PDB file of all heavy atoms in Angstrom:
ATOM      1  N   SER A   1      21.034  -1.752  48.581  1.00  0.00           N
ATOM      2  CA  SER A   1      21.076  -2.978  49.375  1.00  0.00           C
ATOM      3  C   SER A   1      19.820  -3.776  49.353  1.00  0.00           C
ATOM      4  O   SER A   1      19.834  -5.006  49.630  1.00  0.00           O
ATOM      5  CB  SER A   1      21.461  -2.645  50.851  1.00  0.00           C
ATOM      6  OG  SER A   1      22.654  -2.027  50.891  1.00  0.00           O
ATOM      7  N   ILE A   2      18.725  -3.149  48.981  1.00  0.00           N
ATOM      8  CA  ILE A   2      17.426  -3.839  48.952  1.00  0.00           C
ATOM      9  C   ILE A   2      17.315  -4.648  47.636  1.00  0.00           C
ATOM     10  O   ILE A   2      16.606  -5.655  47.616  1.00  0.00           O
ATOM     11  CB  ILE A   2      16.279  -2.803  49.038  1.00  0.00           C
ATOM     12  CG1 ILE A   2      16.404  -2.143  50.422  1.00  0.00           C
ATOM     13  CG2 ILE A   2      14.977  -3.416  48.812  1.00  0.00           C
ATOM     14  CD1 ILE A   2      15.453  -0.930  50.587  1.00  0.00           C
ATOM     15  N   PHE A   3      17.962  -4.149  46.608  1.00  0.00           N
ATOM     16  CA  PHE A   3      17.782  -4.762  45.233  1.00  0.00           C
ATOM     17  C   PHE A   3      18.213  -6.280  45.217  1.00  0.00           C
ATOM     18  O   PHE A   3      17.501  -7.034  44.596  1.00  0.00           O
ATOM     19  CB  PHE A   3      18.571  -4.023  44.233  1.00  0.00           C
ATOM     20  CG  PHE A   3      17.832  -2.861  43.664  1.00  0.00           C
ATOM     21  CD1 PHE A   3      18.213  -1.548  43.937  1.00  0.00           C
ATOM     22  CD2 PHE A   3      16.701  -3.042  42.877  1.00  0.00           C
ATOM     23  CE1 PHE A   3      17.539  -0.487  43.513  1.00  0.00           C
ATOM     24  CE2 PHE A   3      16.032  -1.996  42.355  1.00  0.00           C
ATOM     25  CZ  PHE A   3      16.428  -0.712  42.683  1.00  0.00           C
ATOM     26  N   PRO A   4      19.307  -6.713  45.805  1.00  0.00           N
ATOM     27  CA  PRO A   4      19.604  -8.178  45.705  1.00  0.00           C
ATOM     28  C   PRO A   4      18.450  -9.123  46.245  1.00  0.00           C
ATOM     29  O   PRO A   4      18.231 -10.135  45.775  1.00  0.00           O
ATOM     30  CB  PRO A   4      20.864  -8.346  46.490  1.00  0.00           C
ATOM     31  CG  PRO A   4      21.554  -7.008  46.409  1.00  0.00           C
ATOM     32  CD  PRO A   4      20.394  -6.004  46.398  1.00  0.00           C
ATOM     33  N   ILE A   5      17.746  -8.534  47.245  1.00  0.00           N
ATOM     34  CA  ILE A   5      16.628  -9.327  47.785  1.00  0.00           C
ATOM     35  C   ILE A   5      15.575  -9.423  46.748  1.00  0.00           C
ATOM     36  O   ILE A   5      14.942 -10.471  46.549  1.00  0.00           O
ATOM     37  CB  ILE A   5      16.078  -8.676  49.088  1.00  0.00           C
ATOM     38  CG1 ILE A   5      17.211  -8.738  50.160  1.00  0.00           C
ATOM     39  CG2 ILE A   5      14.869  -9.362  49.636  1.00  0.00           C
ATOM     40  CD1 ILE A   5      16.976  -7.821  51.342  1.00  0.00           C
ATOM     41  N   LEU A   6      15.138  -8.260  46.194  1.00  0.00           N
ATOM     42  CA  LEU A   6      14.161  -8.246  45.072  1.00  0.00           C
ATOM     43  C   LEU A   6      14.623  -9.147  43.942  1.00  0.00           C
ATOM     44  O   LEU A   6      13.836  -9.909  43.370  1.00  0.00           O
ATOM     45  CB  LEU A   6      13.890  -6.838  44.670  1.00  0.00           C
ATOM     46  CG  LEU A   6      13.337  -5.889  45.617  1.00  0.00           C
ATOM     47  CD1 LEU A   6      13.266  -4.488  45.073  1.00  0.00           C
ATOM     48  CD2 LEU A   6      11.983  -6.341  46.078  1.00  0.00           C
ATOM     49  N   ASP A   7      15.930  -8.980  43.547  1.00  0.00           N
ATOM     50  CA  ASP A   7      16.419  -9.790  42.417  1.00  0.00           C
ATOM     51  C   ASP A   7      16.335 -11.237  42.721  1.00  0.00           C
ATOM     52  O   ASP A   7      16.024 -12.074  41.818  1.00  0.00           O
ATOM     53  CB  ASP A   7      17.899  -9.417  42.119  1.00  0.00           C
ATOM     54  CG  ASP A   7      17.960  -7.936  41.709  1.00  0.00           C
ATOM     55  OD1 ASP A   7      16.973  -7.379  41.204  1.00  0.00           O
ATOM     56  OD2 ASP A   7      19.069  -7.352  41.873  1.00  0.00           O
ATOM     57  N   LEU A   8      16.655 -11.680  43.879  1.00  0.00           N
ATOM     58  CA  LEU A   8      16.631 -13.061  44.259  1.00  0.00           C
ATOM     59  C   LEU A   8      15.154 -13.593  44.236  1.00  0.00           C
ATOM     60  O   LEU A   8      14.913 -14.722  43.764  1.00  0.00           O
ATOM     61  CB  LEU A   8      17.236 -13.305  45.649  1.00  0.00           C
ATOM     62  CG  LEU A   8      17.503 -14.723  46.029  1.00  0.00           C
ATOM     63  CD1 LEU A   8      18.424 -15.409  45.016  1.00  0.00           C
ATOM     64  CD2 LEU A   8      18.115 -14.804  47.425  1.00  0.00           C
ATOM     65  N   SER A   9      14.229 -12.834  44.699  1.00  0.00           N
ATOM     66  CA  SER A   9      12.842 -13.275  44.685  1.00  0.00           C
ATOM     67  C   SER A   9      12.346 -13.358  43.203  1.00  0.00           C
ATOM     68  O   SER A   9      11.542 -14.229  42.877  1.00  0.00           O
ATOM     69  CB  SER A   9      11.907 -12.287  45.482  1.00  0.00           C
ATOM     70  OG  SER A   9      11.998 -11.019  44.976  1.00  0.00           O
ATOM     71  N   LEU A  10      12.794 -12.418  42.360  1.00  0.00           N
ATOM     72  CA  LEU A  10      12.452 -12.503  40.958  1.00  0.00           C
ATOM     73  C   LEU A  10      13.099 -13.794  40.294  1.00  0.00           C
ATOM     74  O   LEU A  10      12.400 -14.489  39.616  1.00  0.00           O
ATOM     75  CB  LEU A  10      12.980 -11.308  40.200  1.00  0.00           C
ATOM     76  CG  LEU A  10      12.784 -11.291  38.692  1.00  0.00           C
ATOM     77  CD1 LEU A  10      11.328 -11.283  38.340  1.00  0.00           C
ATOM     78  CD2 LEU A  10      13.437 -10.036  38.073  1.00  0.00           C
ATOM     79  N   PHE A  11      14.290 -14.045  40.658  1.00  0.00           N
ATOM     80  CA  PHE A  11      14.987 -15.257  40.137  1.00  0.00           C
ATOM     81  C   PHE A  11      14.274 -16.496  40.549  1.00  0.00           C
ATOM     82  O   PHE A  11      14.037 -17.367  39.695  1.00  0.00           O
ATOM     83  CB  PHE A  11      16.413 -15.286  40.642  1.00  0.00           C
ATOM     84  CG  PHE A  11      17.172 -16.520  40.225  1.00  0.00           C
ATOM     85  CD1 PHE A  11      17.563 -16.642  38.932  1.00  0.00           C
ATOM     86  CD2 PHE A  11      17.568 -17.440  41.168  1.00  0.00           C
ATOM     87  CE1 PHE A  11      18.252 -17.794  38.451  1.00  0.00           C
ATOM     88  CE2 PHE A  11      18.223 -18.579  40.754  1.00  0.00           C
ATOM     89  CZ  PHE A  11      18.625 -18.727  39.432  1.00  0.00           C
ATOM     90  N   VAL A  12      13.844 -16.627  41.822  1.00  0.00           N
ATOM     91  CA  VAL A  12      13.123 -17.800  42.244  1.00  0.00           C
ATOM     92  C   VAL A  12      11.792 -17.951  41.521  1.00  0.00           C
ATOM     93  O   VAL A  12      11.443 -19.050  41.096  1.00  0.00           O
ATOM     94  CB  VAL A  12      12.939 -17.758  43.793  1.00  0.00           C
ATOM     95  CG1 VAL A  12      12.001 -18.873  44.246  1.00  0.00           C
ATOM     96  CG2 VAL A  12      14.248 -17.865  44.477  1.00  0.00           C
ATOM     97  N   SER A  13      11.006 -16.867  41.346  1.00  0.00           N
ATOM     98  CA  SER A  13       9.774 -16.953  40.628  1.00  0.00           C
ATOM     99  C   SER A  13       9.999 -17.342  39.152  1.00  0.00           C
ATOM    100  O   SER A  13       9.204 -18.057  38.554  1.00  0.00           O
ATOM    101  CB  SER A  13       9.023 -15.678  40.755  1.00  0.00           C
ATOM    102  OG  SER A  13       9.669 -14.621  40.180  1.00  0.00           O
ATOM    103  N   LEU A  14      11.087 -16.781  38.553  1.00  0.00           N
ATOM    104  CA  LEU A  14      11.338 -17.113  37.186  1.00  0.00           C
ATOM    105  C   LEU A  14      11.808 -18.557  36.975  1.00  0.00           C
ATOM    106  O   LEU A  14      11.574 -19.135  35.901  1.00  0.00           O
ATOM    107  CB  LEU A  14      12.436 -16.163  36.563  1.00  0.00           C
ATOM    108  CG  LEU A  14      11.984 -14.751  36.358  1.00  0.00           C
ATOM    109  CD1 LEU A  14      13.136 -13.899  35.908  1.00  0.00           C
ATOM    110  CD2 LEU A  14      10.825 -14.718  35.406  1.00  0.00           C
ATOM    111  N   ILE A  15      12.435 -19.152  37.984  1.00  0.00           N
ATOM    112  CA  ILE A  15      12.774 -20.559  37.859  1.00  0.00           C
ATOM    113  C   ILE A  15      11.531 -21.461  37.616  1.00  0.00           C
ATOM    114  O   ILE A  15      11.509 -22.346  36.814  1.00  0.00           O
ATOM    115  CB  ILE A  15      13.490 -21.053  39.162  1.00  0.00           C
ATOM    116  CG1 ILE A  15      14.920 -20.515  39.198  1.00  0.00           C
ATOM    117  CG2 ILE A  15      13.552 -22.612  39.244  1.00  0.00           C
ATOM    118  CD1 ILE A  15      15.645 -20.800  40.484  1.00  0.00           C
ATOM    119  N   PHE A  16      10.412 -21.088  38.273  1.00  0.00           N
ATOM    120  CA  PHE A  16       9.163 -21.845  38.098  1.00  0.00           C
ATOM    121  C   PHE A  16       8.425 -21.480  36.844  1.00  0.00           C
ATOM    122  O   PHE A  16       7.645 -22.255  36.295  1.00  0.00           O
ATOM    123  CB  PHE A  16       8.305 -21.663  39.317  1.00  0.00           C
ATOM    124  CG  PHE A  16       8.839 -22.210  40.578  1.00  0.00           C
ATOM    125  CD1 PHE A  16       9.281 -21.388  41.588  1.00  0.00           C
ATOM    126  CD2 PHE A  16       8.908 -23.589  40.768  1.00  0.00           C
ATOM    127  CE1 PHE A  16       9.839 -21.912  42.772  1.00  0.00           C
ATOM    128  CE2 PHE A  16       9.456 -24.128  41.941  1.00  0.00           C
ATOM    129  CZ  PHE A  16       9.901 -23.259  42.948  1.00  0.00           C
ATOM    130  N   LEU A  17       8.624 -20.213  36.365  1.00  0.00           N
ATOM    131  CA  LEU A  17       7.897 -19.759  35.212  1.00  0.00           C
ATOM    132  C   LEU A  17       8.600 -20.016  33.896  1.00  0.00           C
ATOM    133  O   LEU A  17       7.997 -20.388  32.900  1.00  0.00           O
ATOM    134  CB  LEU A  17       7.579 -18.289  35.349  1.00  0.00           C
ATOM    135  CG  LEU A  17       6.615 -17.877  36.469  1.00  0.00           C
ATOM    136  CD1 LEU A  17       6.604 -16.327  36.613  1.00  0.00           C
ATOM    137  CD2 LEU A  17       5.248 -18.431  36.175  1.00  0.00           C
ATOM    138  N   ASP A  18       9.908 -19.628  33.839  1.00  0.00           N
ATOM    139  CA  ASP A  18      10.612 -19.609  32.530  1.00  0.00           C
ATOM    140  C   ASP A  18      12.074 -19.797  32.842  1.00  0.00           C
ATOM    141  O   ASP A  18      12.744 -18.860  33.280  1.00  0.00           O
ATOM    142  CB  ASP A  18      10.350 -18.340  31.814  1.00  0.00           C
ATOM    143  CG  ASP A  18      10.870 -18.272  30.374  1.00  0.00           C
ATOM    144  OD1 ASP A  18      11.481 -19.251  29.983  1.00  0.00           O
ATOM    145  OD2 ASP A  18      10.663 -17.288  29.761  1.00  0.00           O
ATOM    146  N   GLY A  19      12.593 -20.941  32.534  1.00  0.00           N
ATOM    147  CA  GLY A  19      14.029 -21.228  32.812  1.00  0.00           C
ATOM    148  C   GLY A  19      14.997 -20.391  32.002  1.00  0.00           C
ATOM    149  O   GLY A  19      16.065 -20.022  32.525  1.00  0.00           O
ATOM    150  N   VAL A  20      14.626 -20.036  30.749  1.00  0.00           N
ATOM    151  CA  VAL A  20      15.528 -19.201  29.991  1.00  0.00           C
ATOM    152  C   VAL A  20      15.629 -17.782  30.644  1.00  0.00           C
ATOM    153  O   VAL A  20      16.707 -17.171  30.725  1.00  0.00           O
ATOM    154  CB  VAL A  20      14.988 -19.022  28.502  1.00  0.00           C
ATOM    155  CG1 VAL A  20      15.866 -18.081  27.730  1.00  0.00           C
ATOM    156  CG2 VAL A  20      15.054 -20.477  27.870  1.00  0.00           C
ATOM    157  N   ALA A  21      14.466 -17.265  31.079  1.00  0.00           N
ATOM    158  CA  ALA A  21      14.487 -15.928  31.658  1.00  0.00           C
ATOM    159  C   ALA A  21      15.263 -15.979  33.022  1.00  0.00           C
ATOM    160  O   ALA A  21      15.997 -15.054  33.390  1.00  0.00           O
ATOM    161  CB  ALA A  21      13.081 -15.456  31.948  1.00  0.00           C
ATOM    162  N   ALA A  22      15.125 -17.061  33.770  1.00  0.00           N
ATOM    163  CA  ALA A  22      15.878 -17.224  35.033  1.00  0.00           C
ATOM    164  C   ALA A  22      17.386 -17.263  34.776  1.00  0.00           C
ATOM    165  O   ALA A  22      18.155 -16.676  35.536  1.00  0.00           O
ATOM    166  CB  ALA A  22      15.433 -18.475  35.727  1.00  0.00           C
ATOM    167  N   THR A  23      17.765 -17.911  33.706  1.00  0.00           N
ATOM    168  CA  THR A  23      19.148 -17.984  33.350  1.00  0.00           C
ATOM    169  C   THR A  23      19.670 -16.651  32.984  1.00  0.00           C
ATOM    170  O   THR A  23      20.801 -16.256  33.347  1.00  0.00           O
ATOM    171  CB  THR A  23      19.370 -18.943  32.201  1.00  0.00           C
ATOM    172  OG1 THR A  23      18.857 -20.213  32.542  1.00  0.00           O
ATOM    173  CG2 THR A  23      20.846 -19.130  31.881  1.00  0.00           C
ATOM    174  N   ALA A  24      18.830 -15.814  32.321  1.00  0.00           N
ATOM    175  CA  ALA A  24      19.260 -14.422  31.949  1.00  0.00           C
ATOM    176  C   ALA A  24      19.494 -13.542  33.117  1.00  0.00           C
ATOM    177  O   ALA A  24      20.151 -12.582  33.076  1.00  0.00           O
ATOM    178  CB  ALA A  24      18.231 -13.840  31.000  1.00  0.00           C
ATOM    179  N   VAL A  25      18.813 -13.884  34.291  1.00  0.00           N
ATOM    180  CA  VAL A  25      18.926 -13.035  35.455  1.00  0.00           C
ATOM    181  C   VAL A  25      20.274 -13.322  36.222  1.00  0.00           C
ATOM    182  O   VAL A  25      20.649 -12.488  37.024  1.00  0.00           O
ATOM    183  CB  VAL A  25      17.666 -13.205  36.342  1.00  0.00           C
ATOM    184  CG1 VAL A  25      17.809 -12.483  37.643  1.00  0.00           C
ATOM    185  CG2 VAL A  25      16.469 -12.717  35.598  1.00  0.00           C
ATOM    186  N   ILE A  26      20.913 -14.447  36.030  1.00  0.00           N
ATOM    187  CA  ILE A  26      22.074 -14.789  36.815  1.00  0.00           C
ATOM    188  C   ILE A  26      23.200 -13.769  36.704  1.00  0.00           C
ATOM    189  O   ILE A  26      23.711 -13.331  37.762  1.00  0.00           O
ATOM    190  CB  ILE A  26      22.560 -16.234  36.436  1.00  0.00           C
ATOM    191  CG1 ILE A  26      21.517 -17.258  36.884  1.00  0.00           C
ATOM    192  CG2 ILE A  26      23.905 -16.527  37.101  1.00  0.00           C
ATOM    193  CD1 ILE A  26      21.761 -18.668  36.468  1.00  0.00           C
ATOM    194  N   PRO A  27      23.550 -13.277  35.593  1.00  0.00           N
ATOM    195  CA  PRO A  27      24.594 -12.240  35.464  1.00  0.00           C
ATOM    196  C   PRO A  27      24.142 -10.958  36.145  1.00  0.00           C
ATOM    197  O   PRO A  27      24.926 -10.232  36.806  1.00  0.00           O
ATOM    198  CB  PRO A  27      24.858 -12.016  34.025  1.00  0.00           C
ATOM    199  CG  PRO A  27      24.316 -13.200  33.308  1.00  0.00           C
ATOM    200  CD  PRO A  27      23.217 -13.724  34.176  1.00  0.00           C
ATOM    201  N   TYR A  28      22.844 -10.676  36.076  1.00  0.00           N
ATOM    202  CA  TYR A  28      22.288  -9.484  36.697  1.00  0.00           C
ATOM    203  C   TYR A  28      22.458  -9.642  38.284  1.00  0.00           C
ATOM    204  O   TYR A  28      22.772  -8.604  38.957  1.00  0.00           O
ATOM    205  CB  TYR A  28      20.875  -9.279  36.296  1.00  0.00           C
ATOM    206  CG  TYR A  28      20.243  -8.069  36.807  1.00  0.00           C
ATOM    207  CD1 TYR A  28      20.577  -6.826  36.325  1.00  0.00           C
ATOM    208  CD2 TYR A  28      19.146  -8.048  37.678  1.00  0.00           C
ATOM    209  CE1 TYR A  28      19.995  -5.671  36.683  1.00  0.00           C
ATOM    210  CE2 TYR A  28      18.550  -6.996  38.054  1.00  0.00           C
ATOM    211  CZ  TYR A  28      18.935  -5.725  37.611  1.00  0.00           C
ATOM    212  OH  TYR A  28      18.375  -4.580  38.069  1.00  0.00           O
ATOM    213  N   LEU A  29      22.114 -10.780  38.803  1.00  0.00           N
ATOM    214  CA  LEU A  29      22.256 -11.076  40.210  1.00  0.00           C
ATOM    215  C   LEU A  29      23.712 -10.858  40.673  1.00  0.00           C
ATOM    216  O   LEU A  29      24.033 -10.251  41.658  1.00  0.00           O
ATOM    217  CB  LEU A  29      21.844 -12.447  40.613  1.00  0.00           C
ATOM    218  CG  LEU A  29      20.387 -12.679  40.741  1.00  0.00           C
ATOM    219  CD1 LEU A  29      20.080 -14.181  40.843  1.00  0.00           C
ATOM    220  CD2 LEU A  29      19.847 -11.991  41.956  1.00  0.00           C
ATOM    221  N   THR A  30      24.671 -11.380  39.886  1.00  0.00           N
ATOM    222  CA  THR A  30      26.056 -11.228  40.171  1.00  0.00           C
ATOM    223  C   THR A  30      26.430  -9.785  40.192  1.00  0.00           C
ATOM    224  O   THR A  30      27.206  -9.324  41.057  1.00  0.00           O
ATOM    225  CB  THR A  30      26.937 -12.002  39.162  1.00  0.00           C
ATOM    226  OG1 THR A  30      26.411 -13.381  39.072  1.00  0.00           O
ATOM    227  CG2 THR A  30      28.380 -12.028  39.559  1.00  0.00           C
ATOM    228  N   TYR A  31      25.995  -9.024  39.179  1.00  0.00           N
ATOM    229  CA  TYR A  31      26.336  -7.625  39.116  1.00  0.00           C
ATOM    230  C   TYR A  31      25.756  -6.863  40.384  1.00  0.00           C
ATOM    231  O   TYR A  31      26.407  -5.992  40.895  1.00  0.00           O
ATOM    232  CB  TYR A  31      25.722  -7.036  37.837  1.00  0.00           C
ATOM    233  CG  TYR A  31      25.491  -5.551  37.904  1.00  0.00           C
ATOM    234  CD1 TYR A  31      26.616  -4.599  37.843  1.00  0.00           C
ATOM    235  CD2 TYR A  31      24.258  -5.019  38.067  1.00  0.00           C
ATOM    236  CE1 TYR A  31      26.416  -3.291  37.991  1.00  0.00           C
ATOM    237  CE2 TYR A  31      24.061  -3.644  38.149  1.00  0.00           C
ATOM    238  CZ  TYR A  31      25.099  -2.832  38.087  1.00  0.00           C
ATOM    239  OH  TYR A  31      24.927  -1.424  38.223  1.00  0.00           O
ATOM    240  N   ARG A  32      24.535  -7.182  40.782  1.00  0.00           N
ATOM    241  CA  ARG A  32      23.938  -6.445  41.857  1.00  0.00           C
ATOM    242  C   ARG A  32      24.691  -6.728  43.184  1.00  0.00           C
ATOM    243  O   ARG A  32      24.792  -5.808  43.962  1.00  0.00           O
ATOM    244  CB  ARG A  32      22.445  -6.907  42.020  1.00  0.00           C
ATOM    245  CG  ARG A  32      21.620  -6.436  40.849  1.00  0.00           C
ATOM    246  CD  ARG A  32      21.707  -4.977  40.713  1.00  0.00           C
ATOM    247  NE  ARG A  32      20.515  -4.442  41.238  1.00  0.00           N
ATOM    248  CZ  ARG A  32      20.157  -3.197  41.310  1.00  0.00           C
ATOM    249  NH1 ARG A  32      20.984  -2.359  40.764  1.00  0.00           N
ATOM    250  NH2 ARG A  32      19.079  -2.759  41.826  1.00  0.00           N
ATOM    251  N   ILE A  33      25.150  -7.882  43.414  1.00  0.00           N
ATOM    252  CA  ILE A  33      25.890  -8.191  44.627  1.00  0.00           C
ATOM    253  C   ILE A  33      27.199  -7.395  44.527  1.00  0.00           C
ATOM    254  O   ILE A  33      27.596  -6.786  45.607  1.00  0.00           O
ATOM    255  CB  ILE A  33      26.118  -9.712  44.757  1.00  0.00           C
ATOM    256  CG1 ILE A  33      24.800 -10.387  44.986  1.00  0.00           C
ATOM    257  CG2 ILE A  33      27.147  -9.997  45.848  1.00  0.00           C
ATOM    258  CD1 ILE A  33      24.848 -11.898  44.864  1.00  0.00           C
ATOM    259  N   TYR A  34      27.859  -7.374  43.457  1.00  0.00           N
ATOM    260  CA  TYR A  34      29.062  -6.496  43.307  1.00  0.00           C
ATOM    261  C   TYR A  34      28.697  -5.066  43.533  1.00  0.00           C
ATOM    262  O   TYR A  34      29.490  -4.298  44.171  1.00  0.00           O
ATOM    263  CB  TYR A  34      29.688  -6.758  41.949  1.00  0.00           C
ATOM    264  CG  TYR A  34      30.777  -5.810  41.616  1.00  0.00           C
ATOM    265  CD1 TYR A  34      32.047  -5.870  42.219  1.00  0.00           C
ATOM    266  CD2 TYR A  34      30.614  -4.740  40.762  1.00  0.00           C
ATOM    267  CE1 TYR A  34      33.076  -4.957  41.987  1.00  0.00           C
ATOM    268  CE2 TYR A  34      31.549  -3.825  40.498  1.00  0.00           C
ATOM    269  CZ  TYR A  34      32.763  -3.924  41.126  1.00  0.00           C
ATOM    270  OH  TYR A  34      33.758  -2.995  40.844  1.00  0.00           O
ATOM    271  N   ALA A  35      27.613  -4.606  42.985  1.00  0.00           N
ATOM    272  CA  ALA A  35      27.257  -3.167  43.048  1.00  0.00           C
ATOM    273  C   ALA A  35      27.016  -2.769  44.548  1.00  0.00           C
ATOM    274  O   ALA A  35      27.357  -1.635  44.932  1.00  0.00           O
ATOM    275  CB  ALA A  35      25.998  -2.899  42.225  1.00  0.00           C
ATOM    276  N   VAL A  36      26.426  -3.573  45.347  1.00  0.00           N
ATOM    277  CA  VAL A  36      26.251  -3.335  46.756  1.00  0.00           C
ATOM    278  C   VAL A  36      27.602  -3.207  47.451  1.00  0.00           C
ATOM    279  O   VAL A  36      27.802  -2.303  48.276  1.00  0.00           O
ATOM    280  CB  VAL A  36      25.351  -4.362  47.443  1.00  0.00           C
ATOM    281  CG1 VAL A  36      25.372  -4.209  48.968  1.00  0.00           C
ATOM    282  CG2 VAL A  36      23.934  -4.308  46.856  1.00  0.00           C
ATOM    283  N   TRP A  37      28.490  -4.149  47.156  1.00  0.00           N
ATOM    284  CA  TRP A  37      29.805  -4.071  47.774  1.00  0.00           C
ATOM    285  C   TRP A  37      30.509  -2.793  47.328  1.00  0.00           C
ATOM    286  O   TRP A  37      31.161  -2.112  48.164  1.00  0.00           O
ATOM    287  CB  TRP A  37      30.634  -5.350  47.330  1.00  0.00           C
ATOM    288  CG  TRP A  37      32.099  -5.225  47.707  1.00  0.00           C
ATOM    289  CD1 TRP A  37      32.586  -5.485  48.987  1.00  0.00           C
ATOM    290  CD2 TRP A  37      33.150  -4.746  46.946  1.00  0.00           C
ATOM    291  NE1 TRP A  37      33.933  -5.241  48.935  1.00  0.00           N
ATOM    292  CE2 TRP A  37      34.298  -4.842  47.706  1.00  0.00           C
ATOM    293  CE3 TRP A  37      33.258  -4.436  45.598  1.00  0.00           C
ATOM    294  CZ2 TRP A  37      35.534  -4.457  47.244  1.00  0.00           C
ATOM    295  CZ3 TRP A  37      34.526  -4.041  45.142  1.00  0.00           C
ATOM    296  CH2 TRP A  37      35.632  -4.064  45.897  1.00  0.00           C
ATOM    297  N   TRP A  38      30.472  -2.472  46.042  1.00  0.00           N
ATOM    298  CA  TRP A  38      31.114  -1.272  45.510  1.00  0.00           C
ATOM    299  C   TRP A  38      30.499  -0.029  46.099  1.00  0.00           C
ATOM    300  O   TRP A  38      31.196   0.940  46.443  1.00  0.00           O
ATOM    301  CB  TRP A  38      31.081  -1.270  43.970  1.00  0.00           C
ATOM    302  CG  TRP A  38      31.771  -0.147  43.371  1.00  0.00           C
ATOM    303  CD1 TRP A  38      33.095  -0.052  43.172  1.00  0.00           C
ATOM    304  CD2 TRP A  38      31.182   1.030  42.818  1.00  0.00           C
ATOM    305  NE1 TRP A  38      33.349   1.188  42.572  1.00  0.00           N
ATOM    306  CE2 TRP A  38      32.190   1.806  42.325  1.00  0.00           C
ATOM    307  CE3 TRP A  38      29.817   1.495  42.730  1.00  0.00           C
ATOM    308  CZ2 TRP A  38      31.961   3.022  41.736  1.00  0.00           C
ATOM    309  CZ3 TRP A  38      29.579   2.678  42.096  1.00  0.00           C
ATOM    310  CH2 TRP A  38      30.708   3.480  41.626  1.00  0.00           C
ATOM    311  N   GLY A  39      29.233  -0.029  46.205  1.00  0.00           N
ATOM    312  CA  GLY A  39      28.487   1.148  46.846  1.00  0.00           C
ATOM    313  C   GLY A  39      28.848   1.349  48.241  1.00  0.00           C
ATOM    314  O   GLY A  39      29.022   2.475  48.699  1.00  0.00           O
ATOM    315  N   SER A  40      29.026   0.302  48.987  1.00  0.00           N
ATOM    316  CA  SER A  40      29.495   0.422  50.389  1.00  0.00           C
ATOM    317  C   SER A  40      30.903   0.927  50.443  1.00  0.00           C
ATOM    318  O   SER A  40      31.171   1.845  51.265  1.00  0.00           O
ATOM    319  CB  SER A  40      29.432  -1.048  51.030  1.00  0.00           C
ATOM    320  OG  SER A  40      30.037  -0.996  52.312  1.00  0.00           O
ATOM    321  N   ALA A  41      31.785   0.469  49.609  1.00  0.00           N
ATOM    322  CA  ALA A  41      33.187   0.921  49.635  1.00  0.00           C
ATOM    323  C   ALA A  41      33.236   2.445  49.214  1.00  0.00           C
ATOM    324  O   ALA A  41      33.923   3.226  49.799  1.00  0.00           O
ATOM    325  CB  ALA A  41      34.000   0.154  48.712  1.00  0.00           C
TER     326      ALA A  41
END
């Protein structure tokens, strides 16, 4: 449950640093949100 917060902060920092890297993190963010839901279930 802590990971999506870390992932979001990484995404925000990557937006300012490297747009390509930030775009690469979007599927990872989606996966992590699903993983928290799946882990809870």
